[in-house]
C-alpha cells in the first residue's frame, strides 16, 4: 500500500504461488485507513487496482464468530486479552489451516496451533536435521 513498498515484502507477495487470502476484517481495516488518511491519498484506489485482484476475501460466518469468541475468552483467562478484530482474523486463519501473514506477530504469537509469518523479517534459515 505504501508508495515505496518494502522490496522484500513486495518480492514475496509477487512470488507467492499459493492463493493469497485475506479476512473481510483486513479489508475493512484497509478501507478505514484509506478513509481517514489525508485527502487525495488514493490509498483505496491503489489497493483496488494493485492488490485486490490478487486476493480472495474470506467472509465471516457463525462458526468463525463462535471460534473467535472461544479464542478471545481463552486468551483473557490466560491474561492476554485481545480485541475482537484480532480474534476474528486468528479464527479465520486457524479454521482454514492457513498461515497468518502479519507484521504484528505479537498480536497472534500466543494462539495455539496458529502459524504466522512476518514478511518484513528475513525468513528463518532452514536447519538441516541429521539423518
N, C-alpha and C. Protein backbone atom coordinates (compact mmCIF):
# COMPACT_ATOMS: atom_id res chain seq x y z
N UNK A 1 0.81 -1.20 0.00
CA UNK A 1 0.00 0.00 0.00
C UNK A 1 0.85 1.26 0.00
N UNK A 2 2.08 1.15 0.43
CA UNK A 2 2.92 2.34 0.50
C UNK A 2 3.39 2.75 -0.89
N UNK A 3 3.69 4.03 -1.03
CA UNK A 3 4.21 4.49 -2.32
C UNK A 3 5.52 3.78 -2.66
N UNK A 4 6.33 3.56 -1.64
CA UNK A 4 7.59 2.81 -1.81
C UNK A 4 7.52 1.57 -0.92
N UNK A 5 6.94 0.49 -1.43
CA UNK A 5 6.80 -0.71 -0.60
C UNK A 5 8.15 -1.31 -0.24
N UNK A 6 8.19 -2.01 0.88
CA UNK A 6 9.39 -2.73 1.29
C UNK A 6 9.73 -3.74 0.18
N UNK A 7 10.93 -3.69 -0.38
CA UNK A 7 11.28 -4.57 -1.51
C UNK A 7 11.14 -6.06 -1.19
N UNK A 8 11.50 -6.45 0.03
CA UNK A 8 11.40 -7.87 0.39
C UNK A 8 9.94 -8.32 0.44
N UNK A 9 9.08 -7.48 0.99
CA UNK A 9 7.65 -7.81 1.08
C UNK A 9 7.05 -7.85 -0.32
N UNK A 10 7.38 -6.88 -1.12
CA UNK A 10 6.86 -6.84 -2.50
C UNK A 10 7.30 -8.08 -3.28
N UNK A 11 8.56 -8.46 -3.15
CA UNK A 11 9.07 -9.64 -3.84
C UNK A 11 8.35 -10.90 -3.36
N UNK A 12 8.14 -11.00 -2.06
CA UNK A 12 7.46 -12.17 -1.50
C UNK A 12 6.02 -12.23 -1.99
N UNK A 13 5.36 -11.11 -2.00
CA UNK A 13 3.97 -11.04 -2.47
C UNK A 13 3.89 -11.50 -3.93
N UNK A 14 4.78 -10.99 -4.74
CA UNK A 14 4.75 -11.29 -6.17
C UNK A 14 5.19 -12.72 -6.48
N UNK A 15 5.99 -13.32 -5.61
CA UNK A 15 6.49 -14.67 -5.88
C UNK A 15 5.63 -15.76 -5.27
N UNK A 16 4.66 -15.39 -4.46
CA UNK A 16 3.85 -16.39 -3.75
C UNK A 16 2.99 -17.16 -4.76
N UNK A 17 3.07 -18.49 -4.70
CA UNK A 17 2.32 -19.35 -5.62
C UNK A 17 1.03 -19.86 -5.01
N UNK A 18 0.97 -19.90 -3.68
CA UNK A 18 -0.27 -20.30 -3.03
C UNK A 18 -1.26 -19.17 -3.16
N UNK A 19 -2.55 -19.50 -3.10
CA UNK A 19 -3.54 -18.42 -3.17
C UNK A 19 -3.33 -17.43 -2.02
N UNK A 20 -3.51 -16.16 -2.30
CA UNK A 20 -3.41 -15.12 -1.28
C UNK A 20 -4.81 -14.79 -0.80
N UNK A 21 -5.02 -15.01 0.48
CA UNK A 21 -6.34 -14.83 1.09
C UNK A 21 -6.25 -13.74 2.13
N UNK A 22 -7.36 -13.10 2.39
CA UNK A 22 -7.43 -12.12 3.46
C UNK A 22 -8.81 -12.18 4.09
N UNK A 23 -8.87 -11.78 5.33
CA UNK A 23 -10.15 -11.72 6.04
C UNK A 23 -10.89 -10.46 5.63
N UNK A 24 -12.20 -10.54 5.65
CA UNK A 24 -13.02 -9.36 5.40
C UNK A 24 -12.70 -8.28 6.44
N UNK A 25 -12.22 -8.69 7.62
CA UNK A 25 -11.82 -7.74 8.66
C UNK A 25 -10.63 -6.91 8.18
N UNK A 26 -9.67 -7.56 7.53
CA UNK A 26 -8.50 -6.83 7.00
C UNK A 26 -8.92 -5.85 5.91
N UNK A 27 -9.86 -6.26 5.08
CA UNK A 27 -10.39 -5.38 4.04
C UNK A 27 -11.00 -4.13 4.68
N UNK A 28 -11.75 -4.33 5.77
CA UNK A 28 -12.35 -3.20 6.47
C UNK A 28 -11.28 -2.29 7.04
N UNK A 29 -10.21 -2.87 7.59
CA UNK A 29 -9.14 -2.06 8.17
C UNK A 29 -8.43 -1.23 7.10
N UNK A 30 -8.23 -1.80 5.93
CA UNK A 30 -7.60 -1.07 4.82
C UNK A 30 -8.50 0.07 4.36
N UNK A 31 -9.78 -0.21 4.21
CA UNK A 31 -10.72 0.83 3.78
C UNK A 31 -10.78 1.97 4.80
N UNK A 32 -10.85 1.62 6.08
CA UNK A 32 -10.89 2.62 7.14
C UNK A 32 -9.63 3.48 7.10
N UNK A 33 -8.47 2.86 6.99
CA UNK A 33 -7.22 3.60 6.93
C UNK A 33 -7.18 4.56 5.76
N UNK A 34 -7.71 4.12 4.63
CA UNK A 34 -7.74 4.98 3.44
C UNK A 34 -8.69 6.17 3.66
N UNK A 35 -9.81 5.93 4.32
CA UNK A 35 -10.79 6.99 4.53
C UNK A 35 -10.31 8.06 5.50
N UNK A 36 -9.49 7.68 6.49
CA UNK A 36 -9.04 8.68 7.47
C UNK A 36 -7.70 9.30 7.10
N UNK A 37 -7.09 8.81 6.03
CA UNK A 37 -5.81 9.38 5.57
C UNK A 37 -6.07 10.76 4.98
N UNK A 38 -5.00 11.53 4.79
CA UNK A 38 -5.18 12.87 4.23
C UNK A 38 -5.94 12.85 2.90
N UNK A 39 -6.72 13.89 2.64
CA UNK A 39 -7.48 13.96 1.39
C UNK A 39 -6.57 13.79 0.18
N UNK A 40 -7.09 13.12 -0.83
CA UNK A 40 -6.34 12.94 -2.07
C UNK A 40 -5.30 11.83 -2.01
N UNK A 41 -5.33 11.00 -0.98
CA UNK A 41 -4.27 10.00 -0.79
C UNK A 41 -4.32 8.85 -1.78
N UNK A 42 -5.46 8.52 -2.33
CA UNK A 42 -5.62 7.46 -3.34
C UNK A 42 -5.25 6.06 -2.84
N UNK A 43 -5.19 5.86 -1.51
CA UNK A 43 -4.83 4.56 -0.97
C UNK A 43 -5.83 3.47 -1.40
N UNK A 44 -7.11 3.78 -1.28
CA UNK A 44 -8.12 2.79 -1.63
C UNK A 44 -8.06 2.47 -3.13
N UNK A 45 -7.91 3.49 -3.94
CA UNK A 45 -7.84 3.27 -5.38
C UNK A 45 -6.63 2.40 -5.74
N UNK A 46 -5.49 2.64 -5.08
CA UNK A 46 -4.29 1.83 -5.33
C UNK A 46 -4.51 0.39 -4.86
N UNK A 47 -5.15 0.24 -3.71
CA UNK A 47 -5.43 -1.10 -3.22
C UNK A 47 -6.32 -1.85 -4.22
N UNK A 48 -7.39 -1.23 -4.65
CA UNK A 48 -8.34 -1.87 -5.57
C UNK A 48 -7.66 -2.22 -6.90
N UNK A 49 -6.80 -1.34 -7.38
CA UNK A 49 -6.14 -1.58 -8.67
C UNK A 49 -4.98 -2.56 -8.57
N UNK A 50 -4.16 -2.45 -7.53
CA UNK A 50 -2.89 -3.19 -7.47
C UNK A 50 -2.93 -4.47 -6.64
N UNK A 51 -3.64 -4.46 -5.52
CA UNK A 51 -3.60 -5.61 -4.62
C UNK A 51 -4.87 -6.46 -4.66
N UNK A 52 -6.01 -5.83 -4.66
CA UNK A 52 -7.28 -6.56 -4.56
C UNK A 52 -7.43 -7.65 -5.61
N UNK A 53 -6.99 -7.43 -6.85
CA UNK A 53 -7.15 -8.51 -7.85
C UNK A 53 -6.38 -9.79 -7.51
N UNK A 54 -5.41 -9.71 -6.62
CA UNK A 54 -4.60 -10.87 -6.25
C UNK A 54 -5.08 -11.57 -4.98
N UNK A 55 -6.14 -11.05 -4.38
CA UNK A 55 -6.61 -11.55 -3.09
C UNK A 55 -8.00 -12.15 -3.19
N UNK A 56 -8.21 -13.20 -2.44
CA UNK A 56 -9.55 -13.72 -2.21
C UNK A 56 -9.94 -13.29 -0.80
N UNK A 57 -11.07 -12.63 -0.67
CA UNK A 57 -11.53 -12.14 0.63
C UNK A 57 -12.41 -13.22 1.26
N UNK A 58 -11.99 -13.66 2.45
CA UNK A 58 -12.73 -14.69 3.17
C UNK A 58 -13.80 -14.05 4.04
N UNK A 59 -15.05 -14.50 3.91
CA UNK A 59 -16.13 -13.92 4.71
C UNK A 59 -16.14 -14.49 6.12
N UNK A 60 -16.92 -13.86 6.96
CA UNK A 60 -17.17 -14.36 8.31
C UNK A 60 -18.49 -15.12 8.30
N UNK A 61 -18.56 -16.11 9.17
CA UNK A 61 -19.81 -16.82 9.34
C UNK A 61 -19.98 -17.16 10.82
N UNK A 62 -21.05 -17.84 11.13
CA UNK A 62 -21.35 -18.13 12.53
C UNK A 62 -20.25 -18.97 13.19
N UNK A 63 -19.72 -19.95 12.47
CA UNK A 63 -18.69 -20.81 13.08
C UNK A 63 -17.42 -20.01 13.39
N UNK A 64 -17.06 -19.05 12.56
CA UNK A 64 -15.90 -18.21 12.85
C UNK A 64 -16.16 -17.28 14.03
N UNK A 65 -17.38 -16.78 14.13
CA UNK A 65 -17.72 -15.93 15.28
C UNK A 65 -17.60 -16.72 16.58
N UNK A 66 -18.07 -17.95 16.58
CA UNK A 66 -18.00 -18.79 17.77
C UNK A 66 -16.55 -19.11 18.11
N UNK A 67 -15.75 -19.49 17.09
CA UNK A 67 -14.35 -19.80 17.33
C UNK A 67 -13.60 -18.56 17.85
N UNK A 68 -13.86 -17.41 17.26
CA UNK A 68 -13.21 -16.17 17.71
C UNK A 68 -13.56 -15.88 19.17
N UNK A 69 -14.80 -16.07 19.54
CA UNK A 69 -15.21 -15.84 20.93
C UNK A 69 -14.52 -16.83 21.86
N UNK A 70 -14.43 -18.09 21.45
CA UNK A 70 -13.73 -19.10 22.26
C UNK A 70 -12.27 -18.72 22.45
N UNK A 71 -11.61 -18.31 21.36
CA UNK A 71 -10.21 -17.91 21.43
C UNK A 71 -10.02 -16.71 22.35
N UNK A 72 -10.85 -15.69 22.16
CA UNK A 72 -10.71 -14.48 22.97
C UNK A 72 -10.94 -14.76 24.45
N UNK A 73 -11.92 -15.62 24.76
CA UNK A 73 -12.18 -15.97 26.16
C UNK A 73 -10.98 -16.71 26.75
N UNK A 74 -10.40 -17.63 25.97
CA UNK A 74 -9.22 -18.36 26.43
C UNK A 74 -8.07 -17.39 26.70
N UNK A 75 -7.85 -16.47 25.77
CA UNK A 75 -6.75 -15.51 25.92
C UNK A 75 -6.95 -14.63 27.15
N UNK A 76 -8.17 -14.20 27.36
CA UNK A 76 -8.44 -13.33 28.51
C UNK A 76 -8.16 -14.07 29.81
N UNK A 77 -8.58 -15.33 29.90
CA UNK A 77 -8.34 -16.08 31.14
C UNK A 77 -6.86 -16.35 31.34
N UNK A 78 -6.07 -16.34 30.28
CA UNK A 78 -4.62 -16.51 30.39
C UNK A 78 -3.90 -15.18 30.55
N UNK A 79 -4.67 -14.08 30.69
CA UNK A 79 -4.07 -12.77 30.88
C UNK A 79 -3.59 -12.11 29.60
N UNK A 80 -4.09 -12.54 28.45
CA UNK A 80 -3.70 -11.97 27.16
C UNK A 80 -4.94 -11.48 26.40
N UNK A 81 -5.69 -10.53 26.94
CA UNK A 81 -6.89 -10.09 26.23
C UNK A 81 -6.52 -9.51 24.87
N UNK A 82 -7.36 -9.82 23.88
CA UNK A 82 -7.13 -9.38 22.50
C UNK A 82 -8.43 -8.80 21.98
N UNK A 83 -8.34 -7.81 21.13
CA UNK A 83 -9.51 -7.18 20.53
C UNK A 83 -10.28 -8.12 19.62
N UNK A 84 -11.51 -7.75 19.34
CA UNK A 84 -12.35 -8.62 18.53
C UNK A 84 -11.81 -8.80 17.12
N UNK A 85 -11.20 -7.76 16.55
CA UNK A 85 -10.66 -7.89 15.18
C UNK A 85 -9.59 -8.97 15.12
N UNK A 86 -8.65 -8.93 16.06
CA UNK A 86 -7.59 -9.93 16.07
C UNK A 86 -8.16 -11.33 16.28
N UNK A 87 -9.19 -11.42 17.13
CA UNK A 87 -9.84 -12.71 17.35
C UNK A 87 -10.47 -13.26 16.08
N UNK A 88 -11.14 -12.40 15.33
CA UNK A 88 -11.77 -12.84 14.07
C UNK A 88 -10.73 -13.20 13.02
N UNK A 89 -9.65 -12.43 12.95
CA UNK A 89 -8.58 -12.73 11.99
C UNK A 89 -7.92 -14.05 12.35
N UNK A 90 -7.59 -14.25 13.62
CA UNK A 90 -6.97 -15.50 14.06
C UNK A 90 -7.90 -16.69 13.82
N UNK A 91 -9.18 -16.53 14.11
CA UNK A 91 -10.14 -17.61 13.90
C UNK A 91 -10.23 -17.98 12.42
N UNK A 92 -10.23 -16.98 11.56
CA UNK A 92 -10.29 -17.23 10.12
C UNK A 92 -9.09 -18.06 9.66
N UNK A 93 -7.90 -17.66 10.11
CA UNK A 93 -6.69 -18.38 9.73
C UNK A 93 -6.67 -19.78 10.33
N UNK A 94 -7.00 -19.88 11.61
CA UNK A 94 -6.94 -21.17 12.29
C UNK A 94 -7.96 -22.15 11.70
N UNK A 95 -9.17 -21.70 11.45
CA UNK A 95 -10.21 -22.58 10.92
C UNK A 95 -9.84 -23.11 9.54
N UNK A 96 -9.14 -22.29 8.76
CA UNK A 96 -8.76 -22.71 7.42
C UNK A 96 -7.40 -23.39 7.35
N UNK A 97 -6.72 -23.54 8.50
CA UNK A 97 -5.39 -24.12 8.50
C UNK A 97 -4.41 -23.28 7.69
N UNK A 98 -4.58 -21.97 7.77
CA UNK A 98 -3.79 -21.04 6.96
C UNK A 98 -2.63 -20.46 7.73
N UNK A 99 -1.65 -19.94 7.02
CA UNK A 99 -0.56 -19.19 7.63
C UNK A 99 -1.00 -17.74 7.68
N UNK A 100 -0.93 -17.15 8.85
CA UNK A 100 -1.30 -15.75 9.03
C UNK A 100 -0.07 -14.88 8.81
N UNK A 101 -0.11 -14.05 7.79
CA UNK A 101 1.00 -13.14 7.49
C UNK A 101 0.66 -11.79 8.11
N UNK A 102 1.53 -11.35 9.01
CA UNK A 102 1.29 -10.10 9.72
C UNK A 102 2.61 -9.50 10.17
N UNK A 103 2.64 -8.20 10.26
CA UNK A 103 3.80 -7.53 10.81
C UNK A 103 3.73 -7.52 12.34
N UNK A 104 2.53 -7.72 12.87
CA UNK A 104 2.28 -7.69 14.31
C UNK A 104 2.19 -9.10 14.87
N UNK A 105 3.28 -9.83 14.78
CA UNK A 105 3.33 -11.21 15.26
C UNK A 105 2.89 -11.30 16.72
N UNK A 106 3.27 -10.31 17.54
CA UNK A 106 2.95 -10.35 18.97
C UNK A 106 1.45 -10.38 19.24
N UNK A 107 0.64 -9.92 18.29
CA UNK A 107 -0.81 -9.98 18.47
C UNK A 107 -1.33 -11.41 18.36
N UNK A 108 -0.52 -12.30 17.77
CA UNK A 108 -1.00 -13.65 17.48
C UNK A 108 -0.08 -14.76 17.98
N UNK A 109 1.06 -14.42 18.58
CA UNK A 109 2.05 -15.44 18.94
C UNK A 109 1.59 -16.37 20.06
N UNK A 110 0.53 -16.05 20.73
CA UNK A 110 0.02 -16.88 21.82
C UNK A 110 -1.11 -17.81 21.38
N UNK A 111 -1.45 -17.80 20.09
CA UNK A 111 -2.55 -18.61 19.59
C UNK A 111 -2.05 -20.02 19.32
N UNK A 112 -2.51 -20.96 20.10
CA UNK A 112 -2.07 -22.35 19.98
C UNK A 112 -2.38 -22.88 18.58
N UNK A 113 -1.34 -23.41 17.93
CA UNK A 113 -1.52 -24.05 16.63
C UNK A 113 -1.60 -23.12 15.44
N UNK A 114 -1.52 -21.82 15.66
CA UNK A 114 -1.61 -20.87 14.55
C UNK A 114 -0.22 -20.60 13.99
N UNK A 115 -0.07 -20.77 12.69
CA UNK A 115 1.21 -20.48 12.04
C UNK A 115 1.20 -19.03 11.59
N UNK A 116 2.29 -18.31 11.89
CA UNK A 116 2.40 -16.91 11.50
C UNK A 116 3.71 -16.67 10.77
N UNK A 117 3.71 -15.67 9.90
CA UNK A 117 4.92 -15.22 9.22
C UNK A 117 4.90 -13.70 9.18
N UNK A 118 6.09 -13.12 9.30
CA UNK A 118 6.27 -11.68 9.15
C UNK A 118 7.16 -11.47 7.93
N UNK A 119 6.58 -11.03 6.85
CA UNK A 119 7.33 -10.87 5.60
C UNK A 119 8.29 -9.68 5.66
N UNK A 120 8.23 -8.88 6.71
CA UNK A 120 9.16 -7.76 6.87
C UNK A 120 10.48 -8.23 7.46
N UNK A 121 10.51 -9.46 7.96
CA UNK A 121 11.74 -10.04 8.50
C UNK A 121 12.25 -11.10 7.55
N UNK A 122 13.57 -11.27 7.46
CA UNK A 122 14.08 -12.33 6.58
C UNK A 122 13.60 -13.69 7.06
N UNK A 123 13.34 -14.60 6.12
CA UNK A 123 12.89 -15.93 6.54
C UNK A 123 13.95 -16.61 7.39
N UNK A 124 13.48 -17.40 8.33
CA UNK A 124 14.41 -18.15 9.19
C UNK A 124 15.17 -19.14 8.33
N UNK A 125 16.45 -19.27 8.59
CA UNK A 125 17.27 -20.21 7.83
C UNK A 125 16.82 -21.64 8.12
N UNK A 126 16.82 -22.44 7.08
CA UNK A 126 16.45 -23.84 7.24
C UNK A 126 17.53 -24.53 8.06
N UNK A 127 17.11 -25.37 8.96
CA UNK A 127 18.05 -26.10 9.80
C UNK A 127 18.08 -27.54 9.30
N UNK A 128 19.26 -28.01 8.93
CA UNK A 128 19.41 -29.38 8.48
C UNK A 128 19.36 -30.31 9.68
N UNK A 129 18.55 -31.33 9.59
CA UNK A 129 18.45 -32.33 10.64
C UNK A 129 19.36 -33.50 10.28
N UNK A 130 20.10 -34.05 11.25
CA UNK A 130 20.95 -35.21 10.95
C UNK A 130 20.09 -36.40 10.56
N UNK A 131 20.62 -37.22 9.66
CA UNK A 131 19.88 -38.42 9.22
C UNK A 131 19.88 -39.50 10.25
